[in-house]
């Protein structure tokens, strides 16, 4: 296991995004399992920047949320799907068919 230590959460978010972007570039049809909450937001912001400024392509990426509430509609503001849509998915070119 590789342990990465960074000075602050901004550096950690950028490093996390770099690792994810390397995977996406190497295998455009990769499968990612993504978390919600405040911890990954820095990484998501950096991935959005990479998509916008560097052309990072998410069109073939498949994602699975780590968690979800049973019976809560994906459009409900407290659902994890909604969180991911607001904080990442609607800001990149991911195909809705590949979001789970």
N, C-alpha and C. Protein backbone atom coordinates (compact mmCIF):
# COMPACT_ATOMS: atom_id res chain seq x y z
N UNK A 1 0.84 -1.17 0.00
CA UNK A 1 0.00 0.00 0.00
C UNK A 1 0.89 1.24 0.00
N UNK A 2 0.53 2.19 -0.83
CA UNK A 2 1.26 3.45 -0.91
C UNK A 2 0.57 4.47 -0.01
N UNK A 3 1.31 5.08 0.88
CA UNK A 3 0.80 6.14 1.75
C UNK A 3 1.37 7.46 1.25
N UNK A 4 0.49 8.42 0.99
CA UNK A 4 0.90 9.73 0.50
C UNK A 4 0.59 10.76 1.57
N UNK A 5 1.57 11.55 1.93
CA UNK A 5 1.39 12.60 2.93
C UNK A 5 1.56 13.94 2.24
N UNK A 6 0.58 14.81 2.44
CA UNK A 6 0.62 16.15 1.86
C UNK A 6 0.51 17.19 2.98
N UNK A 7 0.92 18.42 2.68
CA UNK A 7 0.93 19.48 3.69
C UNK A 7 -0.46 19.94 4.09
N UNK A 8 -1.40 19.89 3.15
CA UNK A 8 -2.75 20.38 3.44
C UNK A 8 -3.76 19.71 2.51
N UNK A 9 -5.03 20.00 2.75
CA UNK A 9 -6.09 19.33 1.98
C UNK A 9 -6.10 19.76 0.52
N UNK A 10 -5.65 20.98 0.22
CA UNK A 10 -5.59 21.40 -1.18
C UNK A 10 -4.58 20.57 -1.97
N UNK A 11 -3.42 20.36 -1.39
CA UNK A 11 -2.41 19.52 -2.04
C UNK A 11 -2.91 18.08 -2.18
N UNK A 12 -3.59 17.60 -1.15
CA UNK A 12 -4.13 16.24 -1.20
C UNK A 12 -5.18 16.11 -2.30
N UNK A 13 -6.06 17.11 -2.42
CA UNK A 13 -7.06 17.08 -3.47
C UNK A 13 -6.44 17.06 -4.86
N UNK A 14 -5.41 17.85 -5.06
CA UNK A 14 -4.73 17.88 -6.36
C UNK A 14 -4.03 16.56 -6.66
N UNK A 15 -3.40 15.98 -5.65
CA UNK A 15 -2.73 14.69 -5.85
C UNK A 15 -3.75 13.59 -6.15
N UNK A 16 -4.86 13.60 -5.43
CA UNK A 16 -5.91 12.61 -5.68
C UNK A 16 -6.44 12.75 -7.10
N UNK A 17 -6.68 13.98 -7.52
CA UNK A 17 -7.16 14.22 -8.88
C UNK A 17 -6.13 13.77 -9.91
N UNK A 18 -4.86 13.98 -9.62
CA UNK A 18 -3.81 13.54 -10.55
C UNK A 18 -3.83 12.03 -10.72
N UNK A 19 -3.97 11.32 -9.61
CA UNK A 19 -4.02 9.85 -9.67
C UNK A 19 -5.24 9.40 -10.49
N UNK A 20 -6.39 9.99 -10.21
CA UNK A 20 -7.61 9.63 -10.95
C UNK A 20 -7.45 9.97 -12.43
N UNK A 21 -6.93 11.15 -12.72
CA UNK A 21 -6.78 11.56 -14.13
C UNK A 21 -5.81 10.64 -14.88
N UNK A 22 -4.76 10.20 -14.20
CA UNK A 22 -3.84 9.25 -14.83
C UNK A 22 -4.56 7.96 -15.21
N UNK A 23 -5.43 7.49 -14.34
CA UNK A 23 -6.20 6.27 -14.61
C UNK A 23 -7.14 6.50 -15.79
N UNK A 24 -7.84 7.63 -15.79
CA UNK A 24 -8.79 7.94 -16.87
C UNK A 24 -8.07 8.06 -18.20
N UNK A 25 -6.92 8.68 -18.21
CA UNK A 25 -6.16 8.83 -19.47
C UNK A 25 -5.62 7.49 -19.96
N UNK A 26 -5.17 6.66 -19.02
CA UNK A 26 -4.61 5.36 -19.40
C UNK A 26 -5.69 4.40 -19.88
N UNK A 27 -6.85 4.44 -19.22
CA UNK A 27 -7.95 3.55 -19.59
C UNK A 27 -9.25 4.37 -19.59
N UNK A 28 -9.60 4.97 -20.72
CA UNK A 28 -10.77 5.85 -20.79
C UNK A 28 -12.08 5.20 -20.36
N UNK A 29 -12.18 3.88 -20.46
CA UNK A 29 -13.41 3.19 -20.06
C UNK A 29 -13.28 2.60 -18.65
N UNK A 30 -12.49 3.23 -17.80
CA UNK A 30 -12.29 2.73 -16.44
C UNK A 30 -13.57 2.84 -15.61
N UNK A 31 -13.57 2.16 -14.48
CA UNK A 31 -14.68 2.20 -13.53
C UNK A 31 -14.15 2.81 -12.24
N UNK A 32 -14.83 3.87 -11.78
CA UNK A 32 -14.44 4.56 -10.56
C UNK A 32 -15.52 4.41 -9.51
N UNK A 33 -15.12 4.21 -8.28
CA UNK A 33 -16.04 4.23 -7.14
C UNK A 33 -15.77 5.52 -6.39
N UNK A 34 -16.79 6.36 -6.26
CA UNK A 34 -16.58 7.71 -5.74
C UNK A 34 -17.33 7.94 -4.43
N UNK A 35 -16.73 8.76 -3.59
CA UNK A 35 -17.30 9.07 -2.28
C UNK A 35 -17.94 10.46 -2.29
N UNK A 36 -18.82 10.67 -1.33
CA UNK A 36 -19.44 11.98 -1.15
C UNK A 36 -18.89 12.61 0.12
N UNK A 37 -19.37 13.80 0.43
CA UNK A 37 -18.93 14.50 1.62
C UNK A 37 -17.88 15.54 1.29
N UNK A 38 -17.38 16.20 2.31
CA UNK A 38 -16.44 17.30 2.09
C UNK A 38 -15.03 16.83 1.74
N UNK A 39 -14.65 15.64 2.16
CA UNK A 39 -13.27 15.18 1.95
C UNK A 39 -12.86 15.15 0.48
N UNK A 40 -13.65 14.58 -0.44
CA UNK A 40 -13.20 14.51 -1.83
C UNK A 40 -13.47 15.77 -2.67
N UNK A 41 -14.08 16.80 -2.09
CA UNK A 41 -14.45 17.97 -2.89
C UNK A 41 -13.26 18.64 -3.57
N UNK A 42 -12.12 18.70 -2.91
CA UNK A 42 -10.94 19.29 -3.53
C UNK A 42 -10.50 18.52 -4.77
N UNK A 43 -10.57 17.20 -4.68
CA UNK A 43 -10.23 16.37 -5.84
C UNK A 43 -11.23 16.58 -6.97
N UNK A 44 -12.51 16.67 -6.63
CA UNK A 44 -13.52 16.87 -7.67
C UNK A 44 -13.34 18.23 -8.34
N UNK A 45 -13.04 19.26 -7.56
CA UNK A 45 -12.80 20.59 -8.15
C UNK A 45 -11.60 20.56 -9.11
N UNK A 46 -10.57 19.84 -8.73
CA UNK A 46 -9.39 19.74 -9.60
C UNK A 46 -9.70 18.92 -10.85
N UNK A 47 -10.50 17.87 -10.73
CA UNK A 47 -10.90 17.09 -11.91
C UNK A 47 -11.73 17.94 -12.86
N UNK A 48 -12.60 18.78 -12.31
CA UNK A 48 -13.38 19.70 -13.14
C UNK A 48 -12.45 20.66 -13.88
N UNK A 49 -11.46 21.19 -13.18
CA UNK A 49 -10.50 22.09 -13.82
C UNK A 49 -9.73 21.37 -14.92
N UNK A 50 -9.31 20.13 -14.65
CA UNK A 50 -8.58 19.35 -15.65
C UNK A 50 -9.45 19.09 -16.88
N UNK A 51 -10.72 18.83 -16.65
CA UNK A 51 -11.64 18.62 -17.77
C UNK A 51 -11.75 19.90 -18.60
N UNK A 52 -11.97 21.01 -17.91
CA UNK A 52 -12.17 22.29 -18.58
C UNK A 52 -10.89 22.79 -19.26
N UNK A 53 -9.78 22.76 -18.56
CA UNK A 53 -8.55 23.38 -19.05
C UNK A 53 -7.64 22.45 -19.85
N UNK A 54 -7.71 21.15 -19.56
CA UNK A 54 -6.80 20.20 -20.20
C UNK A 54 -7.51 19.18 -21.08
N UNK A 55 -8.84 19.25 -21.12
CA UNK A 55 -9.58 18.33 -21.96
C UNK A 55 -9.70 16.92 -21.41
N UNK A 56 -9.55 16.75 -20.09
CA UNK A 56 -9.70 15.42 -19.51
C UNK A 56 -11.09 14.89 -19.85
N UNK A 57 -11.14 13.74 -20.50
CA UNK A 57 -12.37 13.19 -21.08
C UNK A 57 -12.95 12.10 -20.19
N UNK A 58 -14.17 12.33 -19.71
CA UNK A 58 -14.88 11.37 -18.87
C UNK A 58 -16.00 10.65 -19.62
N UNK A 59 -16.07 10.80 -20.93
CA UNK A 59 -17.22 10.31 -21.69
C UNK A 59 -17.40 8.80 -21.66
N UNK A 60 -16.34 8.05 -21.38
CA UNK A 60 -16.44 6.59 -21.35
C UNK A 60 -16.28 6.02 -19.94
N UNK A 61 -16.11 6.89 -18.95
CA UNK A 61 -15.90 6.45 -17.56
C UNK A 61 -17.23 6.01 -16.96
N UNK A 62 -17.20 4.91 -16.21
CA UNK A 62 -18.34 4.43 -15.44
C UNK A 62 -18.07 4.72 -13.97
N UNK A 63 -19.09 5.20 -13.25
CA UNK A 63 -18.91 5.49 -11.82
C UNK A 63 -19.97 4.78 -10.99
N UNK A 64 -19.57 4.45 -9.79
CA UNK A 64 -20.47 3.92 -8.77
C UNK A 64 -20.26 4.74 -7.51
N UNK A 65 -21.35 5.21 -6.91
CA UNK A 65 -21.25 5.85 -5.61
C UNK A 65 -20.99 4.79 -4.56
N UNK A 66 -20.17 5.12 -3.57
CA UNK A 66 -19.89 4.17 -2.49
C UNK A 66 -21.14 3.87 -1.68
N UNK A 67 -22.01 4.86 -1.53
CA UNK A 67 -23.21 4.72 -0.70
C UNK A 67 -24.39 5.37 -1.39
N UNK A 68 -25.58 5.01 -0.93
CA UNK A 68 -26.81 5.68 -1.34
C UNK A 68 -27.91 5.30 -0.36
N UNK A 69 -28.87 6.18 -0.21
CA UNK A 69 -30.01 5.92 0.64
C UNK A 69 -31.06 5.14 -0.13
N UNK A 70 -31.57 4.07 0.45
CA UNK A 70 -32.63 3.28 -0.17
C UNK A 70 -33.91 4.11 -0.15
N UNK A 71 -34.59 4.16 -1.28
CA UNK A 71 -35.87 4.83 -1.37
C UNK A 71 -35.80 6.33 -1.56
N UNK A 72 -34.62 6.91 -1.57
CA UNK A 72 -34.48 8.35 -1.78
C UNK A 72 -34.24 8.60 -3.26
N UNK A 73 -35.07 9.44 -3.85
CA UNK A 73 -34.96 9.74 -5.28
C UNK A 73 -33.60 10.36 -5.60
N UNK A 74 -33.04 10.05 -6.76
CA UNK A 74 -31.75 10.62 -7.15
C UNK A 74 -31.75 12.15 -7.20
N UNK A 75 -32.93 12.73 -7.38
CA UNK A 75 -33.04 14.19 -7.44
C UNK A 75 -33.23 14.84 -6.07
N UNK A 76 -33.37 14.03 -5.03
CA UNK A 76 -33.54 14.57 -3.68
C UNK A 76 -32.22 15.20 -3.22
N UNK A 77 -32.28 16.42 -2.67
CA UNK A 77 -31.05 17.10 -2.25
C UNK A 77 -30.19 16.36 -1.24
N UNK A 78 -30.75 15.38 -0.53
CA UNK A 78 -29.96 14.63 0.44
C UNK A 78 -29.42 13.30 -0.12
N UNK A 79 -29.73 13.01 -1.38
CA UNK A 79 -29.21 11.77 -1.97
C UNK A 79 -27.76 11.96 -2.39
N UNK A 80 -27.03 10.87 -2.39
CA UNK A 80 -25.64 10.91 -2.82
C UNK A 80 -25.54 11.16 -4.32
N UNK A 81 -26.50 10.65 -5.07
CA UNK A 81 -26.53 10.91 -6.52
C UNK A 81 -26.62 12.42 -6.77
N UNK A 82 -27.51 13.07 -6.06
CA UNK A 82 -27.67 14.52 -6.20
C UNK A 82 -26.36 15.24 -5.87
N UNK A 83 -25.73 14.84 -4.76
CA UNK A 83 -24.46 15.44 -4.35
C UNK A 83 -23.42 15.32 -5.46
N UNK A 84 -23.28 14.11 -6.01
CA UNK A 84 -22.28 13.89 -7.06
C UNK A 84 -22.62 14.68 -8.32
N UNK A 85 -23.89 14.76 -8.64
CA UNK A 85 -24.30 15.52 -9.81
C UNK A 85 -23.96 16.99 -9.64
N UNK A 86 -24.26 17.55 -8.48
CA UNK A 86 -24.02 18.97 -8.22
C UNK A 86 -22.53 19.30 -8.13
N UNK A 87 -21.74 18.39 -7.60
CA UNK A 87 -20.34 18.68 -7.31
C UNK A 87 -19.34 18.13 -8.34
N UNK A 88 -19.82 17.30 -9.27
CA UNK A 88 -18.90 16.77 -10.28
C UNK A 88 -19.59 16.49 -11.61
N UNK A 89 -20.56 15.62 -11.62
CA UNK A 89 -21.07 15.08 -12.88
C UNK A 89 -21.60 16.13 -13.85
N UNK A 90 -22.36 17.11 -13.37
CA UNK A 90 -22.92 18.09 -14.31
C UNK A 90 -21.86 19.08 -14.81
N UNK A 91 -20.65 18.98 -14.25
CA UNK A 91 -19.58 19.90 -14.61
C UNK A 91 -18.50 19.26 -15.48
N UNK A 92 -18.70 17.99 -15.82
CA UNK A 92 -17.78 17.26 -16.71
C UNK A 92 -18.61 16.58 -17.80
N UNK A 93 -17.97 15.91 -18.71
CA UNK A 93 -18.68 15.30 -19.84
C UNK A 93 -18.96 13.81 -19.63
N UNK A 94 -19.38 13.43 -18.44
CA UNK A 94 -19.68 12.03 -18.19
C UNK A 94 -21.06 11.69 -18.76
N UNK A 95 -21.18 10.51 -19.31
CA UNK A 95 -22.44 10.03 -19.88
C UNK A 95 -23.34 9.55 -18.73
N UNK A 96 -24.55 10.09 -18.65
CA UNK A 96 -25.47 9.74 -17.56
C UNK A 96 -25.73 8.24 -17.49
N UNK A 97 -25.62 7.54 -18.61
CA UNK A 97 -25.86 6.08 -18.60
C UNK A 97 -24.81 5.34 -17.80
N UNK A 98 -23.67 5.97 -17.58
CA UNK A 98 -22.57 5.31 -16.87
C UNK A 98 -22.44 5.73 -15.41
N UNK A 99 -23.45 6.45 -14.91
CA UNK A 99 -23.46 6.89 -13.51
C UNK A 99 -24.36 5.95 -12.71
N UNK A 100 -23.81 5.34 -11.67
CA UNK A 100 -24.57 4.39 -10.84
C UNK A 100 -24.41 4.73 -9.37
